[in-house]
Amino acid sequence: MSMDVKDSNGNLLAEGDSVTLIKDLKVKGSSQTLKRGTLVKNIRLTNSPAEIEGRAGGSTMVLKAEFLKKV
């Protein structure tokens, strides 16, 4: 089963890619905000085609692919 995970521009994302945020995102359950342009390296794909997992802001979190741009 192969899922196509696409960024905000429609580019295919793969395990290990680097992406940047295209808008400021508030982190649920925290007062932290991830700023636009934040680099997320070495992403991992999840079971959902709309989400990826990566380290941002010092912790691992799940991010929606619609707010990301492939580097």
PDB file of N, CA and C in Angstrom:
ATOM      1  N   MET A   1       0.851  -1.182   0.000  1.00  0.00           N
ATOM      2  CA  MET A   1       0.000   0.000   0.000  1.00  0.00           C
ATOM      3  C   MET A   1       0.893   1.241   0.000  1.00  0.00           C
ATOM      4  N   SER A   2       0.759   2.039  -1.020  1.00  0.00           N
ATOM      5  CA  SER A   2       1.598   3.230  -1.145  1.00  0.00           C
ATOM      6  C   SER A   2       0.718   4.477  -1.099  1.00  0.00           C
ATOM      7  N   MET A   3       1.032   5.366  -0.169  1.00  0.00           N
ATOM      8  CA  MET A   3       0.278   6.615  -0.054  1.00  0.00           C
ATOM      9  C   MET A   3       1.142   7.746  -0.575  1.00  0.00           C
ATOM     10  N   ASP A   4       0.536   8.625  -1.335  1.00  0.00           N
ATOM     11  CA  ASP A   4       1.249   9.790  -1.829  1.00  0.00           C
ATOM     12  C   ASP A   4       1.005  10.952  -0.870  1.00  0.00           C
ATOM     13  N   VAL A   5       2.071  11.396  -0.206  1.00  0.00           N
ATOM     14  CA  VAL A   5       1.992  12.545   0.699  1.00  0.00           C
ATOM     15  C   VAL A   5       2.538  13.736  -0.063  1.00  0.00           C
ATOM     16  N   LYS A   6       1.717  14.787  -0.183  1.00  0.00           N
ATOM     17  CA  LYS A   6       2.113  15.962  -0.958  1.00  0.00           C
ATOM     18  C   LYS A   6       2.167  17.193  -0.075  1.00  0.00           C
ATOM     19  N   ASP A   7       3.134  18.090  -0.397  1.00  0.00           N
ATOM     20  CA  ASP A   7       3.237  19.349   0.352  1.00  0.00           C
ATOM     21  C   ASP A   7       2.242  20.364  -0.198  1.00  0.00           C
ATOM     22  N   SER A   8       2.333  21.602   0.258  1.00  0.00           N
ATOM     23  CA  SER A   8       1.385  22.643  -0.146  1.00  0.00           C
ATOM     24  C   SER A   8       1.451  22.957  -1.633  1.00  0.00           C
ATOM     25  N   ASN A   9       2.580  22.675  -2.277  1.00  0.00           N
ATOM     26  CA  ASN A   9       2.725  22.943  -3.711  1.00  0.00           C
ATOM     27  C   ASN A   9       2.459  21.714  -4.577  1.00  0.00           C
ATOM     28  N   GLY A  10       2.108  20.608  -3.963  1.00  0.00           N
ATOM     29  CA  GLY A  10       1.826  19.397  -4.718  1.00  0.00           C
ATOM     30  C   GLY A  10       3.035  18.509  -4.967  1.00  0.00           C
ATOM     31  N   ASN A  11       4.184  18.846  -4.369  1.00  0.00           N
ATOM     32  CA  ASN A  11       5.384  18.009  -4.513  1.00  0.00           C
ATOM     33  C   ASN A  11       5.264  16.785  -3.621  1.00  0.00           C
ATOM     34  N   LEU A  12       5.695  15.626  -4.129  1.00  0.00           N
ATOM     35  CA  LEU A  12       5.657  14.400  -3.343  1.00  0.00           C
ATOM     36  C   LEU A  12       6.715  14.443  -2.248  1.00  0.00           C
ATOM     37  N   LEU A  13       6.340  14.023  -1.043  1.00  0.00           N
ATOM     38  CA  LEU A  13       7.274  13.954   0.080  1.00  0.00           C
ATOM     39  C   LEU A  13       7.655  12.502   0.319  1.00  0.00           C
ATOM     40  N   ALA A  14       8.896  12.285   0.728  1.00  0.00           N
ATOM     41  CA  ALA A  14       9.387  10.931   1.009  1.00  0.00           C
ATOM     42  C   ALA A  14      10.093  10.930   2.358  1.00  0.00           C
ATOM     43  N   GLU A  15      10.294   9.734   2.912  1.00  0.00           N
ATOM     44  CA  GLU A  15      11.028   9.587   4.174  1.00  0.00           C
ATOM     45  C   GLU A  15      12.388  10.261   4.056  1.00  0.00           C
ATOM     46  N   GLY A  16      12.766  11.047   5.063  1.00  0.00           N
ATOM     47  CA  GLY A  16      14.082  11.664   5.084  1.00  0.00           C
ATOM     48  C   GLY A  16      14.165  13.020   4.410  1.00  0.00           C
ATOM     49  N   ASP A  17      13.089  13.481   3.778  1.00  0.00           N
ATOM     50  CA  ASP A  17      13.096  14.808   3.140  1.00  0.00           C
ATOM     51  C   ASP A  17      13.182  15.907   4.199  1.00  0.00           C
ATOM     52  N   SER A  18      13.547  17.107   3.759  1.00  0.00           N
ATOM     53  CA  SER A  18      13.510  18.289   4.610  1.00  0.00           C
ATOM     54  C   SER A  18      12.412  19.210   4.089  1.00  0.00           C
ATOM     55  N   VAL A  19      11.676  19.820   5.014  1.00  0.00           N
ATOM     56  CA  VAL A  19      10.586  20.722   4.652  1.00  0.00           C
ATOM     57  C   VAL A  19      10.661  21.979   5.510  1.00  0.00           C
ATOM     58  N   THR A  20      10.014  23.058   5.041  1.00  0.00           N
ATOM     59  CA  THR A  20       9.899  24.280   5.835  1.00  0.00           C
ATOM     60  C   THR A  20       8.422  24.595   6.026  1.00  0.00           C
ATOM     61  N   LEU A  21       8.115  25.303   7.116  1.00  0.00           N
ATOM     62  CA  LEU A  21       6.735  25.714   7.380  1.00  0.00           C
ATOM     63  C   LEU A  21       6.401  26.925   6.535  1.00  0.00           C
ATOM     64  N   ILE A  22       5.172  26.990   6.015  1.00  0.00           N
ATOM     65  CA  ILE A  22       4.774  28.129   5.187  1.00  0.00           C
ATOM     66  C   ILE A  22       3.932  29.134   5.965  1.00  0.00           C
ATOM     67  N   LYS A  23       3.602  28.818   7.232  1.00  0.00           N
ATOM     68  CA  LYS A  23       2.894  29.777   8.087  1.00  0.00           C
ATOM     69  C   LYS A  23       3.188  29.465   9.544  1.00  0.00           C
ATOM     70  N   ASP A  24       2.979  30.443  10.427  1.00  0.00           N
ATOM     71  CA  ASP A  24       3.161  30.228  11.863  1.00  0.00           C
ATOM     72  C   ASP A  24       2.113  29.235  12.355  1.00  0.00           C
ATOM     73  N   LEU A  25       2.546  28.266  13.142  1.00  0.00           N
ATOM     74  CA  LEU A  25       1.628  27.258  13.675  1.00  0.00           C
ATOM     75  C   LEU A  25       1.715  27.227  15.196  1.00  0.00           C
ATOM     76  N   LYS A  26       0.557  27.284  15.851  1.00  0.00           N
ATOM     77  CA  LYS A  26       0.521  27.140  17.306  1.00  0.00           C
ATOM     78  C   LYS A  26       0.562  25.662  17.625  1.00  0.00           C
ATOM     79  N   VAL A  27       1.328  25.305  18.664  1.00  0.00           N
ATOM     80  CA  VAL A  27       1.448  23.917  19.084  1.00  0.00           C
ATOM     81  C   VAL A  27       0.368  23.636  20.113  1.00  0.00           C
ATOM     82  N   LYS A  28      -0.475  22.629  19.836  1.00  0.00           N
ATOM     83  CA  LYS A  28      -1.556  22.281  20.772  1.00  0.00           C
ATOM     84  C   LYS A  28      -0.972  21.825  22.101  1.00  0.00           C
ATOM     85  N   GLY A  29      -1.589  22.275  23.187  1.00  0.00           N
ATOM     86  CA  GLY A  29      -1.158  21.871  24.517  1.00  0.00           C
ATOM     87  C   GLY A  29       0.092  22.575  25.000  1.00  0.00           C
ATOM     88  N   SER A  30       0.498  23.625  24.284  1.00  0.00           N
ATOM     89  CA  SER A  30       1.710  24.347  24.648  1.00  0.00           C
ATOM     90  C   SER A  30       1.539  25.817  24.276  1.00  0.00           C
ATOM     91  N   SER A  31       2.338  26.670  24.892  1.00  0.00           N
ATOM     92  CA  SER A  31       2.294  28.088  24.527  1.00  0.00           C
ATOM     93  C   SER A  31       3.249  28.380  23.377  1.00  0.00           C
ATOM     94  N   GLN A  32       3.914  27.332  22.877  1.00  0.00           N
ATOM     95  CA  GLN A  32       4.920  27.466  21.827  1.00  0.00           C
ATOM     96  C   GLN A  32       4.267  27.713  20.460  1.00  0.00           C
ATOM     97  N   THR A  33       4.937  28.519  19.628  1.00  0.00           N
ATOM     98  CA  THR A  33       4.521  28.737  18.250  1.00  0.00           C
ATOM     99  C   THR A  33       5.696  28.447  17.332  1.00  0.00           C
ATOM    100  N   LEU A  34       5.464  27.627  16.320  1.00  0.00           N
ATOM    101  CA  LEU A  34       6.501  27.357  15.323  1.00  0.00           C
ATOM    102  C   LEU A  34       6.402  28.438  14.252  1.00  0.00           C
ATOM    103  N   LYS A  35       7.496  29.117  14.008  1.00  0.00           N
ATOM    104  CA  LYS A  35       7.499  30.245  13.091  1.00  0.00           C
ATOM    105  C   LYS A  35       7.578  29.805  11.627  1.00  0.00           C
ATOM    106  N   ARG A  36       7.049  30.638  10.757  1.00  0.00           N
ATOM    107  CA  ARG A  36       7.132  30.420   9.314  1.00  0.00           C
ATOM    108  C   ARG A  36       8.609  30.342   8.923  1.00  0.00           C
ATOM    109  N   GLY A  37       8.958  29.382   8.066  1.00  0.00           N
ATOM    110  CA  GLY A  37      10.337  29.220   7.635  1.00  0.00           C
ATOM    111  C   GLY A  37      11.134  28.246   8.468  1.00  0.00           C
ATOM    112  N   THR A  38      10.531  27.708   9.553  1.00  0.00           N
ATOM    113  CA  THR A  38      11.221  26.722  10.385  1.00  0.00           C
ATOM    114  C   THR A  38      11.529  25.485   9.561  1.00  0.00           C
ATOM    115  N   LEU A  39      12.772  25.017   9.637  1.00  0.00           N
ATOM    116  CA  LEU A  39      13.202  23.841   8.882  1.00  0.00           C
ATOM    117  C   LEU A  39      12.964  22.579   9.701  1.00  0.00           C
ATOM    118  N   VAL A  40      12.323  21.599   9.081  1.00  0.00           N
ATOM    119  CA  VAL A  40      12.105  20.285   9.696  1.00  0.00           C
ATOM    120  C   VAL A  40      12.855  19.279   8.833  1.00  0.00           C
ATOM    121  N   LYS A  41      13.923  18.699   9.399  1.00  0.00           N
ATOM    122  CA  LYS A  41      14.770  17.766   8.644  1.00  0.00           C
ATOM    123  C   LYS A  41      14.367  16.327   8.921  1.00  0.00           C
ATOM    124  N   ASN A  42      14.704  15.460   7.982  1.00  0.00           N
ATOM    125  CA  ASN A  42      14.564  14.011   8.153  1.00  0.00           C
ATOM    126  C   ASN A  42      13.161  13.609   8.602  1.00  0.00           C
ATOM    127  N   ILE A  43      12.149  13.986   7.798  1.00  0.00           N
ATOM    128  CA  ILE A  43      10.765  13.687   8.148  1.00  0.00           C
ATOM    129  C   ILE A  43      10.473  12.198   8.022  1.00  0.00           C
ATOM    130  N   ARG A  44       9.428  11.767   8.722  1.00  0.00           N
ATOM    131  CA  ARG A  44       8.926  10.396   8.608  1.00  0.00           C
ATOM    132  C   ARG A  44       7.459  10.471   8.202  1.00  0.00           C
ATOM    133  N   LEU A  45       7.051   9.553   7.338  1.00  0.00           N
ATOM    134  CA  LEU A  45       5.662   9.503   6.908  1.00  0.00           C
ATOM    135  C   LEU A  45       4.839   8.750   7.949  1.00  0.00           C
ATOM    136  N   THR A  46       3.570   9.135   8.091  1.00  0.00           N
ATOM    137  CA  THR A  46       2.671   8.470   9.035  1.00  0.00           C
ATOM    138  C   THR A  46       1.658   7.646   8.244  1.00  0.00           C
ATOM    139  N   ASN A  47       0.697   7.061   8.932  1.00  0.00           N
ATOM    140  CA  ASN A  47      -0.352   6.289   8.268  1.00  0.00           C
ATOM    141  C   ASN A  47      -1.331   7.178   7.515  1.00  0.00           C
ATOM    142  N   SER A  48      -1.306   8.466   7.793  1.00  0.00           N
ATOM    143  CA  SER A  48      -2.218   9.411   7.156  1.00  0.00           C
ATOM    144  C   SER A  48      -1.504  10.162   6.029  1.00  0.00           C
ATOM    145  N   PRO A  49      -2.116  10.256   4.843  1.00  0.00           N
ATOM    146  CA  PRO A  49      -1.489  11.000   3.745  1.00  0.00           C
ATOM    147  C   PRO A  49      -1.484  12.511   3.971  1.00  0.00           C
ATOM    148  N   ALA A  50      -2.173  12.993   5.002  1.00  0.00           N
ATOM    149  CA  ALA A  50      -2.237  14.429   5.270  1.00  0.00           C
ATOM    150  C   ALA A  50      -1.241  14.867   6.333  1.00  0.00           C
ATOM    151  N   GLU A  51      -0.487  13.916   6.931  1.00  0.00           N
ATOM    152  CA  GLU A  51       0.392  14.256   8.044  1.00  0.00           C
ATOM    153  C   GLU A  51       1.777  13.634   7.891  1.00  0.00           C
ATOM    154  N   ILE A  52       2.775  14.331   8.462  1.00  0.00           N
ATOM    155  CA  ILE A  52       4.136  13.801   8.550  1.00  0.00           C
ATOM    156  C   ILE A  52       4.594  13.960  10.000  1.00  0.00           C
ATOM    157  N   GLU A  53       5.662  13.280  10.343  1.00  0.00           N
ATOM    158  CA  GLU A  53       6.231  13.382  11.686  1.00  0.00           C
ATOM    159  C   GLU A  53       7.660  13.883  11.561  1.00  0.00           C
ATOM    160  N   GLY A  54       8.057  14.806  12.429  1.00  0.00           N
ATOM    161  CA  GLY A  54       9.416  15.328  12.386  1.00  0.00           C
ATOM    162  C   GLY A  54       9.748  16.111  13.634  1.00  0.00           C
ATOM    163  N   ARG A  55      11.033  16.455  13.784  1.00  0.00           N
ATOM    164  CA  ARG A  55      11.475  17.231  14.938  1.00  0.00           C
ATOM    165  C   ARG A  55      11.441  18.715  14.605  1.00  0.00           C
ATOM    166  N   ALA A  56      10.675  19.455  15.397  1.00  0.00           N
ATOM    167  CA  ALA A  56      10.586  20.908  15.235  1.00  0.00           C
ATOM    168  C   ALA A  56      10.423  21.522  16.615  1.00  0.00           C
ATOM    169  N   GLY A  57      11.094  22.611  16.850  1.00  0.00           N
ATOM    170  CA  GLY A  57      10.981  23.282  18.142  1.00  0.00           C
ATOM    171  C   GLY A  57      11.513  22.460  19.293  1.00  0.00           C
ATOM    172  N   GLY A  58      12.445  21.551  19.014  1.00  0.00           N
ATOM    173  CA  GLY A  58      13.069  20.765  20.064  1.00  0.00           C
ATOM    174  C   GLY A  58      12.336  19.504  20.459  1.00  0.00           C
ATOM    175  N   SER A  59      11.210  19.199  19.815  1.00  0.00           N
ATOM    176  CA  SER A  59      10.500  17.965  20.135  1.00  0.00           C
ATOM    177  C   SER A  59       9.910  17.357  18.861  1.00  0.00           C
ATOM    178  N   THR A  60       9.588  16.082  18.936  1.00  0.00           N
ATOM    179  CA  THR A  60       8.999  15.393  17.791  1.00  0.00           C
ATOM    180  C   THR A  60       7.505  15.657  17.781  1.00  0.00           C
ATOM    181  N   MET A  61       6.983  16.039  16.616  1.00  0.00           N
ATOM    182  CA  MET A  61       5.556  16.314  16.513  1.00  0.00           C
ATOM    183  C   MET A  61       5.022  15.933  15.148  1.00  0.00           C
ATOM    184  N   VAL A  62       3.713  15.792  15.065  1.00  0.00           N
ATOM    185  CA  VAL A  62       3.040  15.481  13.811  1.00  0.00           C
ATOM    186  C   VAL A  62       2.558  16.803  13.208  1.00  0.00           C
ATOM    187  N   LEU A  63       2.883  17.015  11.939  1.00  0.00           N
ATOM    188  CA  LEU A  63       2.515  18.253  11.251  1.00  0.00           C
ATOM    189  C   LEU A  63       1.661  17.940  10.035  1.00  0.00           C
ATOM    190  N   LYS A  64       0.743  18.820   9.721  1.00  0.00           N
ATOM    191  CA  LYS A  64      -0.095  18.659   8.537  1.00  0.00           C
ATOM    192  C   LYS A  64       0.709  19.049   7.305  1.00  0.00           C
ATOM    193  N   ALA A  65       0.652  18.211   6.275  1.00  0.00           N
ATOM    194  CA  ALA A  65       1.422  18.424   5.058  1.00  0.00           C
ATOM    195  C   ALA A  65       0.990  19.693   4.315  1.00  0.00           C
ATOM    196  N   GLU A  66      -0.237  20.151   4.506  1.00  0.00           N
ATOM    197  CA  GLU A  66      -0.730  21.343   3.803  1.00  0.00           C
ATOM    198  C   GLU A  66       0.001  22.619   4.237  1.00  0.00           C
ATOM    199  N   PHE A  67       0.714  22.574   5.382  1.00  0.00           N
ATOM    200  CA  PHE A  67       1.447  23.745   5.870  1.00  0.00           C
ATOM    201  C   PHE A  67       2.947  23.633   5.639  1.00  0.00           C
ATOM    202  N   LEU A  68       3.365  22.700   4.785  1.00  0.00           N
ATOM    203  CA  LEU A  68       4.775  22.454   4.557  1.00  0.00           C
ATOM    204  C   LEU A  68       5.155  22.659   3.107  1.00  0.00           C
ATOM    205  N   LYS A  69       6.445  22.997   2.903  1.00  0.00           N
ATOM    206  CA  LYS A  69       6.989  23.147   1.560  1.00  0.00           C
ATOM    207  C   LYS A  69       8.302  22.381   1.503  1.00  0.00           C
ATOM    208  N   LYS A  70       8.468  21.530   0.485  1.00  0.00           N
ATOM    209  CA  LYS A  70       9.684  20.740   0.341  1.00  0.00           C
ATOM    210  C   LYS A  70      10.859  21.657   0.019  1.00  0.00           C
ATOM    211  N   VAL A  71      12.013  21.365   0.634  1.00  0.00           N
ATOM    212  CA  VAL A  71      13.220  22.171   0.403  1.00  0.00           C
ATOM    213  C   VAL A  71      13.994  21.598  -0.757  1.00  0.00           C
TER     214      VAL A  71
END
